[in-house]
Amino acid sequence: MDGRHVIQQKTTPSSNGRSGSQTLRCDLPIKPPFGCAREIATQAEKQDGSAEDADSSSKRLVLALYDALNSRDSDAVVRIVAADLEWWFHGPPSHQFLMRMLTGDSAAAADTFRFVPQSIASFGSTVIVEGCDAPRAIAWVHAWTVTDGIITHVREYFNTALTVTRFDDSDEIVPASSGTGRLPCVWESSVSGRVGKSVPGLVLAI
């Protein structure tokens, strides 16, 4: 991304240094007619007229973001991501590729890492995407929240075996070994085993 991004960050590190949350305040220059992306996406969802079509619209939006990130197209990112994207991360700090791309960090321009989605699923406003860079022994999962045709929140996991469950009115993250097996599992990561080493497990309740 270019240097036009102004980001304010608030960080809450975890005790093990692997995870934390940051609110990314992105003051990005939105140029007409692209500033009306929210209205366009919302109208498209209304025209679709069904939850299935709305899910498809959210998937297309998220896939468009990956295309924009991999091509370093900052104008397209502006049209897709909320100005104050909330970002939660679990993994080694060296793997914060997404944040560097979104904030225009100079290291991102020299980094060759690309997010190549290998599977995508949606559950209401949540879109789950995963991928794997086998040569680097990196597996990743993103849980995006789409609100009114704009991406407003992302939970990012690197080298983590993620299980997604249905649990009303909760976005709690708990260790996979904490006895949550009684909750209905709706999605499990399939690429975390390809990194050639043991990885921690987490449960995301949506």
N, C-alpha and C. Protein backbone atom coordinates (compact mmCIF):
# COMPACT_ATOMS: atom_id res chain seq x y z
N MET A 1 0.84 -1.19 0.00
CA MET A 1 0.00 0.00 0.00
C MET A 1 0.88 1.24 0.00
N ASP A 2 0.31 2.42 -0.35
CA ASP A 2 1.11 3.63 -0.38
C ASP A 2 1.13 4.30 0.97
N GLY A 3 1.79 5.46 1.05
CA GLY A 3 2.00 6.12 2.33
C GLY A 3 0.87 7.02 2.75
N ARG A 4 -0.31 6.93 2.15
CA ARG A 4 -1.40 7.83 2.47
C ARG A 4 -2.22 7.38 3.68
N HIS A 5 -1.89 6.24 4.25
CA HIS A 5 -2.67 5.69 5.34
C HIS A 5 -2.19 6.26 6.67
N VAL A 6 -3.09 6.81 7.44
CA VAL A 6 -2.78 7.31 8.78
C VAL A 6 -3.51 6.42 9.77
N ILE A 7 -2.75 5.71 10.59
CA ILE A 7 -3.34 4.69 11.46
C ILE A 7 -3.05 5.02 12.92
N GLN A 8 -4.06 4.97 13.75
CA GLN A 8 -3.90 5.05 15.19
C GLN A 8 -4.17 3.67 15.74
N GLN A 9 -3.30 3.17 16.62
CA GLN A 9 -3.42 1.80 17.09
C GLN A 9 -3.49 1.77 18.61
N LYS A 10 -4.34 0.88 19.12
CA LYS A 10 -4.38 0.57 20.54
C LYS A 10 -4.13 -0.92 20.67
N THR A 11 -3.13 -1.30 21.45
CA THR A 11 -2.74 -2.70 21.54
C THR A 11 -2.95 -3.23 22.95
N THR A 12 -3.51 -4.45 23.03
CA THR A 12 -3.64 -5.14 24.31
C THR A 12 -2.94 -6.47 24.18
N PRO A 13 -1.65 -6.56 24.55
CA PRO A 13 -0.91 -7.81 24.37
C PRO A 13 -1.36 -8.87 25.35
N SER A 14 -1.20 -10.14 24.95
CA SER A 14 -1.53 -11.24 25.85
C SER A 14 -0.32 -11.61 26.67
N SER A 15 -0.51 -12.44 27.66
CA SER A 15 0.58 -12.84 28.53
C SER A 15 1.64 -13.64 27.81
N ASN A 16 1.25 -14.38 26.74
CA ASN A 16 2.24 -15.18 26.03
C ASN A 16 2.85 -14.46 24.85
N GLY A 17 2.44 -13.24 24.60
CA GLY A 17 3.05 -12.44 23.54
C GLY A 17 2.60 -12.80 22.15
N ARG A 18 1.68 -13.76 22.00
CA ARG A 18 1.28 -14.21 20.67
C ARG A 18 0.06 -13.49 20.15
N SER A 19 -0.80 -13.05 21.03
CA SER A 19 -2.06 -12.51 20.53
C SER A 19 -2.36 -11.18 21.17
N GLY A 20 -3.22 -10.42 20.52
CA GLY A 20 -3.63 -9.14 21.05
C GLY A 20 -4.64 -8.52 20.12
N SER A 21 -5.20 -7.41 20.52
CA SER A 21 -6.18 -6.74 19.68
C SER A 21 -5.72 -5.32 19.41
N GLN A 22 -6.02 -4.83 18.23
CA GLN A 22 -5.71 -3.46 17.88
C GLN A 22 -6.87 -2.88 17.11
N THR A 23 -7.19 -1.64 17.39
CA THR A 23 -8.16 -0.92 16.59
C THR A 23 -7.38 -0.06 15.61
N LEU A 24 -7.53 -0.34 14.33
CA LEU A 24 -6.81 0.39 13.30
C LEU A 24 -7.70 1.51 12.79
N ARG A 25 -7.29 2.75 13.07
CA ARG A 25 -8.04 3.89 12.58
C ARG A 25 -7.42 4.33 11.27
N CYS A 26 -8.13 4.13 10.18
CA CYS A 26 -7.57 4.39 8.85
C CYS A 26 -8.21 5.64 8.27
N ASP A 27 -7.49 6.73 8.25
CA ASP A 27 -7.99 7.95 7.62
C ASP A 27 -7.53 7.93 6.16
N LEU A 28 -8.35 7.30 5.33
CA LEU A 28 -7.97 7.04 3.95
C LEU A 28 -8.72 7.98 3.01
N PRO A 29 -8.06 8.47 1.98
CA PRO A 29 -8.72 9.37 1.03
C PRO A 29 -9.70 8.62 0.14
N ILE A 30 -10.98 8.83 0.34
CA ILE A 30 -12.01 8.16 -0.46
C ILE A 30 -12.44 9.11 -1.57
N LYS A 31 -12.28 8.67 -2.80
CA LYS A 31 -12.57 9.52 -3.94
C LYS A 31 -13.89 9.11 -4.58
N PRO A 32 -14.75 10.04 -4.92
CA PRO A 32 -15.97 9.68 -5.64
C PRO A 32 -15.61 9.17 -7.02
N PRO A 33 -16.37 8.22 -7.60
CA PRO A 33 -17.62 7.70 -7.03
C PRO A 33 -17.42 6.54 -6.08
N PHE A 34 -16.15 6.20 -5.75
CA PHE A 34 -15.89 4.99 -4.98
C PHE A 34 -16.33 5.12 -3.54
N GLY A 35 -16.58 6.31 -3.03
CA GLY A 35 -17.01 6.47 -1.66
C GLY A 35 -18.40 5.92 -1.41
N CYS A 36 -19.14 5.61 -2.45
CA CYS A 36 -20.49 5.10 -2.28
C CYS A 36 -20.52 3.57 -2.32
N ALA A 37 -19.37 2.93 -2.09
CA ALA A 37 -19.30 1.46 -2.15
C ALA A 37 -20.26 0.82 -1.17
N ARG A 38 -20.40 1.43 0.02
CA ARG A 38 -21.32 0.86 1.03
C ARG A 38 -22.73 0.82 0.48
N GLU A 39 -23.19 1.94 -0.14
CA GLU A 39 -24.55 1.99 -0.66
C GLU A 39 -24.74 1.00 -1.80
N ILE A 40 -23.73 0.89 -2.67
CA ILE A 40 -23.83 -0.01 -3.80
C ILE A 40 -23.94 -1.46 -3.32
N ALA A 41 -23.08 -1.84 -2.35
CA ALA A 41 -23.10 -3.22 -1.85
C ALA A 41 -24.42 -3.51 -1.14
N THR A 42 -24.92 -2.53 -0.38
CA THR A 42 -26.18 -2.72 0.33
C THR A 42 -27.33 -2.90 -0.64
N GLN A 43 -27.35 -2.09 -1.70
CA GLN A 43 -28.40 -2.21 -2.71
C GLN A 43 -28.34 -3.57 -3.39
N ALA A 44 -27.12 -4.05 -3.63
CA ALA A 44 -26.97 -5.36 -4.29
C ALA A 44 -27.54 -6.46 -3.41
N GLU A 45 -27.27 -6.36 -2.09
CA GLU A 45 -27.79 -7.38 -1.19
C GLU A 45 -29.31 -7.35 -1.15
N LYS A 46 -29.91 -6.14 -1.18
CA LYS A 46 -31.36 -6.02 -1.17
C LYS A 46 -31.96 -6.63 -2.43
N GLN A 47 -31.28 -6.41 -3.56
CA GLN A 47 -31.78 -6.94 -4.81
C GLN A 47 -31.67 -8.47 -4.82
N ASP A 48 -30.63 -9.00 -4.17
CA ASP A 48 -30.50 -10.46 -4.11
C ASP A 48 -31.70 -11.08 -3.40
N GLY A 49 -32.11 -10.42 -2.32
CA GLY A 49 -33.35 -10.80 -1.68
C GLY A 49 -33.33 -12.09 -0.89
N SER A 50 -32.16 -12.61 -0.53
CA SER A 50 -32.10 -13.83 0.27
C SER A 50 -30.81 -13.86 1.06
N ALA A 51 -30.83 -14.64 2.16
CA ALA A 51 -29.62 -14.76 2.99
C ALA A 51 -28.50 -15.42 2.22
N GLU A 52 -28.85 -16.37 1.36
CA GLU A 52 -27.82 -17.06 0.58
C GLU A 52 -27.11 -16.09 -0.35
N ASP A 53 -27.87 -15.21 -0.99
CA ASP A 53 -27.27 -14.24 -1.89
C ASP A 53 -26.45 -13.22 -1.10
N ALA A 54 -26.90 -12.87 0.10
CA ALA A 54 -26.13 -11.95 0.93
C ALA A 54 -24.81 -12.57 1.32
N ASP A 55 -24.81 -13.88 1.64
CA ASP A 55 -23.57 -14.58 1.95
C ASP A 55 -22.62 -14.56 0.76
N SER A 56 -23.16 -14.77 -0.41
CA SER A 56 -22.35 -14.76 -1.63
C SER A 56 -21.74 -13.38 -1.85
N SER A 57 -22.53 -12.34 -1.59
CA SER A 57 -22.04 -10.97 -1.73
C SER A 57 -20.89 -10.71 -0.77
N SER A 58 -21.01 -11.19 0.47
CA SER A 58 -19.95 -11.00 1.46
C SER A 58 -18.69 -11.74 1.04
N LYS A 59 -18.85 -12.95 0.52
CA LYS A 59 -17.69 -13.71 0.06
C LYS A 59 -16.98 -12.97 -1.08
N ARG A 60 -17.76 -12.45 -2.02
CA ARG A 60 -17.16 -11.73 -3.15
C ARG A 60 -16.40 -10.50 -2.65
N LEU A 61 -16.96 -9.82 -1.65
CA LEU A 61 -16.30 -8.63 -1.11
C LEU A 61 -14.96 -9.00 -0.48
N VAL A 62 -14.93 -10.07 0.30
CA VAL A 62 -13.70 -10.49 0.95
C VAL A 62 -12.67 -10.94 -0.07
N LEU A 63 -13.08 -11.70 -1.07
CA LEU A 63 -12.15 -12.13 -2.11
C LEU A 63 -11.60 -10.94 -2.88
N ALA A 64 -12.42 -9.92 -3.08
CA ALA A 64 -11.95 -8.70 -3.76
C ALA A 64 -10.88 -8.01 -2.92
N LEU A 65 -11.02 -8.09 -1.58
CA LEU A 65 -10.00 -7.48 -0.72
C LEU A 65 -8.66 -8.19 -0.88
N TYR A 66 -8.68 -9.52 -0.94
CA TYR A 66 -7.41 -10.24 -1.13
C TYR A 66 -6.76 -9.86 -2.45
N ASP A 67 -7.57 -9.72 -3.49
CA ASP A 67 -7.02 -9.30 -4.79
C ASP A 67 -6.36 -7.93 -4.66
N ALA A 68 -7.03 -7.03 -3.94
CA ALA A 68 -6.50 -5.67 -3.78
C ALA A 68 -5.22 -5.68 -2.94
N LEU A 69 -5.20 -6.48 -1.89
CA LEU A 69 -4.00 -6.55 -1.04
C LEU A 69 -2.81 -7.12 -1.80
N ASN A 70 -3.05 -8.19 -2.55
CA ASN A 70 -1.95 -8.84 -3.25
C ASN A 70 -1.40 -7.99 -4.39
N SER A 71 -2.26 -7.13 -4.96
CA SER A 71 -1.81 -6.24 -6.03
C SER A 71 -1.40 -4.87 -5.50
N ARG A 72 -1.48 -4.69 -4.16
CA ARG A 72 -1.13 -3.42 -3.50
C ARG A 72 -1.97 -2.28 -4.07
N ASP A 73 -3.27 -2.55 -4.28
CA ASP A 73 -4.19 -1.56 -4.83
C ASP A 73 -4.89 -0.83 -3.68
N SER A 74 -4.32 0.26 -3.22
CA SER A 74 -4.84 0.97 -2.05
C SER A 74 -6.22 1.58 -2.32
N ASP A 75 -6.48 2.01 -3.54
CA ASP A 75 -7.79 2.58 -3.85
C ASP A 75 -8.89 1.55 -3.67
N ALA A 76 -8.62 0.32 -4.10
CA ALA A 76 -9.63 -0.73 -3.94
C ALA A 76 -9.83 -1.08 -2.47
N VAL A 77 -8.74 -1.09 -1.70
CA VAL A 77 -8.86 -1.37 -0.27
C VAL A 77 -9.75 -0.34 0.41
N VAL A 78 -9.59 0.93 0.04
CA VAL A 78 -10.40 2.01 0.62
C VAL A 78 -11.88 1.77 0.40
N ARG A 79 -12.23 1.20 -0.73
CA ARG A 79 -13.63 0.99 -1.06
C ARG A 79 -14.23 -0.19 -0.29
N ILE A 80 -13.39 -1.04 0.27
CA ILE A 80 -13.85 -2.29 0.85
C ILE A 80 -13.80 -2.29 2.38
N VAL A 81 -12.81 -1.64 2.96
CA VAL A 81 -12.53 -1.73 4.40
C VAL A 81 -13.02 -0.47 5.12
N ALA A 82 -13.62 -0.67 6.30
CA ALA A 82 -14.08 0.46 7.11
C ALA A 82 -12.90 1.34 7.53
N ALA A 83 -13.18 2.62 7.76
CA ALA A 83 -12.13 3.55 8.15
C ALA A 83 -11.51 3.20 9.49
N ASP A 84 -12.28 2.52 10.35
CA ASP A 84 -11.76 2.13 11.67
C ASP A 84 -11.87 0.61 11.84
N LEU A 85 -11.15 -0.10 10.99
CA LEU A 85 -11.16 -1.56 11.03
C LEU A 85 -10.63 -2.05 12.38
N GLU A 86 -11.37 -2.96 13.01
CA GLU A 86 -10.91 -3.58 14.25
C GLU A 86 -10.19 -4.88 13.91
N TRP A 87 -8.98 -5.04 14.44
CA TRP A 87 -8.10 -6.15 14.07
C TRP A 87 -7.64 -6.89 15.31
N TRP A 88 -7.81 -8.21 15.33
CA TRP A 88 -7.37 -9.08 16.43
C TRP A 88 -6.43 -10.11 15.84
N PHE A 89 -5.29 -10.34 16.51
CA PHE A 89 -4.23 -11.18 15.94
C PHE A 89 -3.79 -12.25 16.93
N HIS A 90 -3.60 -13.46 16.42
CA HIS A 90 -2.99 -14.53 17.19
C HIS A 90 -1.92 -15.20 16.34
N GLY A 91 -0.67 -15.12 16.82
CA GLY A 91 0.43 -15.71 16.08
C GLY A 91 1.72 -14.95 16.34
N PRO A 92 2.82 -15.37 15.71
CA PRO A 92 4.09 -14.67 15.89
C PRO A 92 4.01 -13.25 15.35
N PRO A 93 4.57 -12.26 16.06
CA PRO A 93 4.55 -10.88 15.56
C PRO A 93 5.16 -10.72 14.17
N SER A 94 6.10 -11.59 13.84
CA SER A 94 6.74 -11.50 12.52
C SER A 94 5.78 -11.82 11.39
N HIS A 95 4.62 -12.41 11.72
CA HIS A 95 3.65 -12.79 10.70
C HIS A 95 2.52 -11.77 10.54
N GLN A 96 2.71 -10.56 10.99
CA GLN A 96 1.65 -9.54 10.89
C GLN A 96 1.67 -8.89 9.50
N PHE A 97 1.60 -9.72 8.48
CA PHE A 97 1.66 -9.24 7.10
C PHE A 97 0.46 -8.35 6.78
N LEU A 98 -0.72 -8.74 7.25
CA LEU A 98 -1.93 -8.00 6.92
C LEU A 98 -1.87 -6.58 7.46
N MET A 99 -1.46 -6.42 8.72
CA MET A 99 -1.39 -5.09 9.29
C MET A 99 -0.41 -4.22 8.53
N ARG A 100 0.73 -4.79 8.14
CA ARG A 100 1.71 -4.00 7.40
C ARG A 100 1.16 -3.57 6.05
N MET A 101 0.37 -4.45 5.41
CA MET A 101 -0.24 -4.07 4.14
C MET A 101 -1.25 -2.94 4.32
N LEU A 102 -2.09 -3.05 5.35
CA LEU A 102 -3.15 -2.07 5.56
C LEU A 102 -2.64 -0.72 6.02
N THR A 103 -1.52 -0.72 6.75
CA THR A 103 -1.00 0.54 7.28
C THR A 103 0.02 1.19 6.37
N GLY A 104 0.38 0.53 5.26
CA GLY A 104 1.36 1.12 4.36
C GLY A 104 2.77 1.05 4.89
N ASP A 105 3.04 0.11 5.80
CA ASP A 105 4.37 -0.07 6.35
C ASP A 105 5.35 -0.32 5.20
N SER A 106 6.50 0.32 5.27
CA SER A 106 7.48 0.19 4.19
C SER A 106 7.96 -1.25 4.02
N ALA A 107 7.89 -2.04 5.12
CA ALA A 107 8.31 -3.43 5.03
C ALA A 107 7.37 -4.24 4.15
N ALA A 108 6.11 -3.80 4.03
CA ALA A 108 5.14 -4.55 3.22
C ALA A 108 5.51 -4.53 1.75
N ALA A 109 6.07 -3.43 1.28
CA ALA A 109 6.41 -3.31 -0.13
C ALA A 109 7.49 -4.31 -0.52
N ALA A 110 8.41 -4.58 0.41
CA ALA A 110 9.50 -5.49 0.11
C ALA A 110 9.15 -6.94 0.40
N ASP A 111 8.05 -7.17 1.11
CA ASP A 111 7.66 -8.51 1.48
C ASP A 111 6.92 -9.19 0.32
N THR A 112 7.26 -10.42 0.07
CA THR A 112 6.65 -11.14 -1.05
C THR A 112 5.47 -12.00 -0.61
N PHE A 113 5.07 -11.93 0.66
CA PHE A 113 3.98 -12.76 1.14
C PHE A 113 2.67 -12.37 0.45
N ARG A 114 1.94 -13.38 0.02
CA ARG A 114 0.64 -13.17 -0.61
C ARG A 114 -0.39 -14.03 0.08
N PHE A 115 -1.57 -13.45 0.29
CA PHE A 115 -2.69 -14.20 0.85
C PHE A 115 -3.45 -14.86 -0.31
N VAL A 116 -3.33 -16.18 -0.40
CA VAL A 116 -4.00 -16.93 -1.46
C VAL A 116 -5.06 -17.82 -0.79
N PRO A 117 -6.33 -17.42 -0.85
CA PRO A 117 -7.39 -18.20 -0.20
C PRO A 117 -7.51 -19.60 -0.79
N GLN A 118 -7.61 -20.59 0.08
CA GLN A 118 -7.79 -21.97 -0.36
C GLN A 118 -9.17 -22.50 -0.01
N SER A 119 -9.85 -21.86 0.93
CA SER A 119 -11.25 -22.20 1.21
C SER A 119 -11.92 -20.97 1.81
N ILE A 120 -13.23 -20.87 1.60
CA ILE A 120 -13.99 -19.74 2.12
C ILE A 120 -15.38 -20.23 2.51
N ALA A 121 -15.87 -19.74 3.64
CA ALA A 121 -17.21 -20.10 4.12
C ALA A 121 -17.80 -18.90 4.82
N SER A 122 -19.12 -18.77 4.82
CA SER A 122 -19.76 -17.64 5.48
C SER A 122 -20.85 -18.13 6.42
N PHE A 123 -20.98 -17.42 7.53
CA PHE A 123 -21.99 -17.71 8.54
C PHE A 123 -22.58 -16.37 8.98
N GLY A 124 -23.67 -15.97 8.35
CA GLY A 124 -24.23 -14.66 8.63
C GLY A 124 -23.28 -13.57 8.21
N SER A 125 -22.92 -12.69 9.14
CA SER A 125 -22.03 -11.57 8.82
C SER A 125 -20.55 -11.96 8.86
N THR A 126 -20.25 -13.22 9.24
CA THR A 126 -18.87 -13.67 9.37
C THR A 126 -18.45 -14.48 8.16
N VAL A 127 -17.29 -14.13 7.60
CA VAL A 127 -16.72 -14.87 6.47
C VAL A 127 -15.37 -15.44 6.92
N ILE A 128 -15.24 -16.77 6.82
CA ILE A 128 -14.02 -17.45 7.25
C ILE A 128 -13.22 -17.84 6.01
N VAL A 129 -11.93 -17.48 6.00
CA VAL A 129 -11.05 -17.80 4.88
C VAL A 129 -9.76 -18.38 5.44
N GLU A 130 -9.21 -19.39 4.74
CA GLU A 130 -7.93 -19.94 5.18
C GLU A 130 -7.03 -20.18 3.97
N GLY A 131 -5.73 -20.24 4.27
CA GLY A 131 -4.75 -20.49 3.23
C GLY A 131 -3.47 -21.01 3.86
N CYS A 132 -2.53 -21.43 3.02
CA CYS A 132 -1.29 -22.00 3.51
C CYS A 132 -0.15 -21.67 2.56
N ASP A 133 0.96 -21.21 3.12
CA ASP A 133 2.20 -21.00 2.37
C ASP A 133 3.15 -22.11 2.82
N ALA A 134 3.11 -23.24 2.14
CA ALA A 134 3.87 -24.41 2.57
C ALA A 134 5.38 -24.17 2.61
N PRO A 135 5.98 -23.52 1.61
CA PRO A 135 7.43 -23.29 1.67
C PRO A 135 7.87 -22.51 2.91
N ARG A 136 7.01 -21.60 3.40
CA ARG A 136 7.35 -20.84 4.61
C ARG A 136 6.81 -21.50 5.87
N ALA A 137 6.13 -22.63 5.74
CA ALA A 137 5.52 -23.32 6.89
C ALA A 137 4.57 -22.37 7.63
N ILE A 138 3.70 -21.70 6.85
CA ILE A 138 2.75 -20.75 7.42
C ILE A 138 1.33 -21.14 6.99
N ALA A 139 0.47 -21.34 7.96
CA ALA A 139 -0.97 -21.51 7.70
C ALA A 139 -1.69 -20.35 8.36
N TRP A 140 -2.73 -19.82 7.69
CA TRP A 140 -3.44 -18.67 8.23
C TRP A 140 -4.94 -18.83 8.09
N VAL A 141 -5.66 -18.19 9.01
CA VAL A 141 -7.12 -18.14 8.96
C VAL A 141 -7.55 -16.72 9.27
N HIS A 142 -8.48 -16.20 8.50
CA HIS A 142 -9.09 -14.89 8.74
C HIS A 142 -10.59 -15.07 8.98
N ALA A 143 -11.08 -14.42 10.01
CA ALA A 143 -12.53 -14.35 10.25
C ALA A 143 -12.94 -12.89 10.10
N TRP A 144 -13.57 -12.59 8.96
CA TRP A 144 -13.96 -11.22 8.62
C TRP A 144 -15.41 -10.97 9.03
N THR A 145 -15.70 -9.75 9.47
CA THR A 145 -17.09 -9.34 9.71
C THR A 145 -17.47 -8.31 8.66
N VAL A 146 -18.56 -8.58 7.95
CA VAL A 146 -19.05 -7.67 6.91
C VAL A 146 -20.33 -7.02 7.41
N THR A 147 -20.33 -5.68 7.43
CA THR A 147 -21.49 -4.92 7.91
C THR A 147 -21.90 -3.91 6.86
N ASP A 148 -23.12 -4.04 6.34
CA ASP A 148 -23.63 -3.10 5.33
C ASP A 148 -22.67 -2.96 4.16
N GLY A 149 -22.13 -4.07 3.71
CA GLY A 149 -21.29 -4.06 2.52
C GLY A 149 -19.88 -3.55 2.73
N ILE A 150 -19.43 -3.42 3.99
CA ILE A 150 -18.09 -2.97 4.30
C ILE A 150 -17.48 -3.92 5.33
N ILE A 151 -16.19 -4.21 5.20
CA ILE A 151 -15.50 -5.05 6.19
C ILE A 151 -15.15 -4.19 7.41
N THR A 152 -15.63 -4.59 8.58
CA THR A 152 -15.48 -3.78 9.79
C THR A 152 -14.58 -4.43 10.84
N HIS A 153 -14.31 -5.72 10.73
CA HIS A 153 -13.59 -6.42 11.80
C HIS A 153 -12.90 -7.64 11.21
N VAL A 154 -11.70 -7.95 11.71
CA VAL A 154 -11.02 -9.17 11.28
C VAL A 154 -10.31 -9.79 12.48
N ARG A 155 -10.45 -11.11 12.59
CA ARG A 155 -9.65 -11.89 13.53
C ARG A 155 -8.69 -12.72 12.69
N GLU A 156 -7.41 -12.63 13.03
CA GLU A 156 -6.37 -13.24 12.21
C GLU A 156 -5.60 -14.26 13.04
N TYR A 157 -5.42 -15.46 12.47
CA TYR A 157 -4.75 -16.55 13.17
C TYR A 157 -3.64 -17.11 12.27
N PHE A 158 -2.45 -17.24 12.82
CA PHE A 158 -1.35 -17.86 12.08
C PHE A 158 -0.91 -19.12 12.82
N ASN A 159 -0.73 -20.21 12.04
CA ASN A 159 -0.31 -21.50 12.58
C ASN A 159 -1.13 -21.85 13.82
N THR A 160 -2.44 -21.82 13.63
CA THR A 160 -3.40 -22.10 14.69
C THR A 160 -4.49 -23.02 14.14
N ALA A 161 -4.81 -24.07 14.87
CA ALA A 161 -5.92 -24.95 14.49
C ALA A 161 -7.21 -24.34 15.03
N LEU A 162 -7.97 -23.71 14.15
CA LEU A 162 -9.17 -22.99 14.58
C LEU A 162 -10.43 -23.83 14.37
N THR A 163 -11.28 -23.82 15.38
CA THR A 163 -12.61 -24.42 15.29
C THR A 163 -13.65 -23.33 15.51
N VAL A 164 -14.64 -23.26 14.65
CA VAL A 164 -15.69 -22.25 14.76
C VAL A 164 -16.97 -22.93 15.24
N THR A 165 -17.58 -22.36 16.27
CA THR A 165 -18.81 -22.91 16.82
C THR A 165 -19.90 -21.84 16.82
N ARG A 166 -21.13 -22.30 16.92
CA ARG A 166 -22.27 -21.39 17.05
C ARG A 166 -22.58 -21.20 18.53
N PHE A 167 -22.51 -19.95 18.98
CA PHE A 167 -22.82 -19.65 20.37
C PHE A 167 -23.40 -18.25 20.39
N ASP A 168 -24.71 -18.12 20.56
CA ASP A 168 -25.41 -16.85 20.39
C ASP A 168 -24.82 -15.76 21.27
N ASP A 169 -24.73 -14.53 20.68
CA ASP A 169 -24.33 -13.32 21.40
C ASP A 169 -22.96 -13.44 22.03
N SER A 170 -22.01 -14.06 21.32
CA SER A 170 -20.67 -14.18 21.88
C SER A 170 -19.64 -14.17 20.76
N ASP A 171 -18.50 -13.52 21.02
CA ASP A 171 -17.35 -13.63 20.11
C ASP A 171 -16.14 -14.07 20.92
N GLU A 172 -16.40 -14.87 21.96
CA GLU A 172 -15.35 -15.29 22.89
C GLU A 172 -14.39 -16.26 22.22
N ILE A 173 -13.09 -16.08 22.51
CA ILE A 173 -12.07 -17.01 22.05
C ILE A 173 -11.59 -17.81 23.25
N VAL A 174 -11.63 -19.13 23.15
CA VAL A 174 -11.23 -19.98 24.27
C VAL A 174 -10.33 -21.08 23.75
N PRO A 175 -9.44 -21.63 24.60
CA PRO A 175 -8.59 -22.75 24.16
C PRO A 175 -9.43 -23.93 23.71
N ALA A 176 -8.98 -24.61 22.69
CA ALA A 176 -9.74 -25.74 22.16
C ALA A 176 -9.85 -26.88 23.16
N SER A 177 -8.95 -26.92 24.13
CA SER A 177 -8.94 -28.01 25.10
C SER A 177 -9.76 -27.71 26.34
N SER A 178 -10.57 -26.64 26.33
CA SER A 178 -11.24 -26.20 27.54
C SER A 178 -12.61 -26.85 27.75
N GLY A 179 -12.89 -27.90 27.00
CA GLY A 179 -14.15 -28.60 27.20
C GLY A 179 -15.29 -28.02 26.40
N THR A 180 -14.97 -27.25 25.33
CA THR A 180 -16.02 -26.64 24.53
C THR A 180 -16.53 -27.59 23.45
N GLY A 181 -16.10 -28.85 23.49
CA GLY A 181 -16.53 -29.80 22.47
C GLY A 181 -18.03 -29.99 22.44
N ARG A 182 -18.71 -29.57 23.49
CA ARG A 182 -20.16 -29.72 23.52
C ARG A 182 -20.85 -28.71 22.60
N LEU A 183 -20.15 -27.63 22.24
CA LEU A 183 -20.74 -26.63 21.35
C LEU A 183 -20.77 -27.18 19.93
N PRO A 184 -21.78 -26.82 19.15
CA PRO A 184 -21.86 -27.32 17.77
C PRO A 184 -20.77 -26.73 16.90
N CYS A 185 -19.98 -27.60 16.29
CA CYS A 185 -18.90 -27.16 15.40
C CYS A 185 -19.48 -26.91 14.01
N VAL A 186 -19.22 -25.72 13.46
CA VAL A 186 -19.71 -25.40 12.13
C VAL A 186 -18.58 -25.30 11.10
N TRP A 187 -17.33 -25.20 11.59
CA TRP A 187 -16.18 -25.08 10.66
C TRP A 187 -14.91 -25.43 11.40
N GLU A 188 -13.97 -26.09 10.69
CA GLU A 188 -12.65 -26.39 11.24
C GLU A 188 -11.59 -26.09 10.19
N SER A 189 -10.47 -25.54 10.63
CA SER A 189 -9.38 -25.28 9.69
C SER A 189 -8.81 -26.60 9.19
N SER A 190 -8.46 -26.62 7.92
CA SER A 190 -7.98 -27.86 7.30
C SER A 190 -6.52 -27.77 6.86
N VAL A 191 -5.92 -26.58 6.94
CA VAL A 191 -4.55 -26.41 6.42
C VAL A 191 -3.51 -26.31 7.53
N SER A 192 -3.95 -26.20 8.79
CA SER A 192 -2.98 -26.00 9.87
C SER A 192 -2.02 -27.17 10.03
N GLY A 193 -2.45 -28.36 9.59
CA GLY A 193 -1.58 -29.53 9.70
C GLY A 193 -0.52 -29.61 8.62
N ARG A 194 -0.52 -28.68 7.69
CA ARG A 194 0.44 -28.73 6.59
C ARG A 194 1.75 -28.00 6.89
N VAL A 195 1.89 -27.40 8.07
CA VAL A 195 3.09 -26.61 8.36
C VAL A 195 4.21 -27.46 8.95
N GLY A 196 3.92 -28.75 9.18
CA GLY A 196 4.98 -29.65 9.61
C GLY A 196 5.38 -29.53 11.06
N LYS A 197 4.50 -28.94 11.89
CA LYS A 197 4.82 -28.82 13.32
C LYS A 197 3.52 -28.69 14.08
N SER A 198 3.62 -28.92 15.39
CA SER A 198 2.44 -28.81 16.25
C SER A 198 2.02 -27.35 16.39
N VAL A 199 0.71 -27.11 16.34
CA VAL A 199 0.20 -25.75 16.46
C VAL A 199 -0.87 -25.69 17.55
N PRO A 200 -1.05 -24.54 18.19
CA PRO A 200 -2.09 -24.43 19.22
C PRO A 200 -3.49 -24.46 18.61
N GLY A 201 -4.47 -24.81 19.41
CA GLY A 201 -5.85 -24.84 18.94
C GLY A 201 -6.68 -23.81 19.68
N LEU A 202 -7.56 -23.14 18.95
CA LEU A 202 -8.48 -22.17 19.53
C LEU A 202 -9.89 -22.42 19.00
N VAL A 203 -10.87 -21.96 19.76
CA VAL A 203 -12.27 -22.03 19.35
C VAL A 203 -12.80 -20.62 19.22
N LEU A 204 -13.43 -20.33 18.10
CA LEU A 204 -14.10 -19.05 17.87
C LEU A 204 -15.61 -19.29 17.93
N ALA A 205 -16.29 -18.65 18.85
CA ALA A 205 -17.74 -18.77 18.95
C ALA A 205 -18.40 -17.58 18.27
N ILE A 206 -19.31 -17.85 17.34
CA ILE A 206 -19.95 -16.77 16.59
C ILE A 206 -21.47 -16.82 16.79
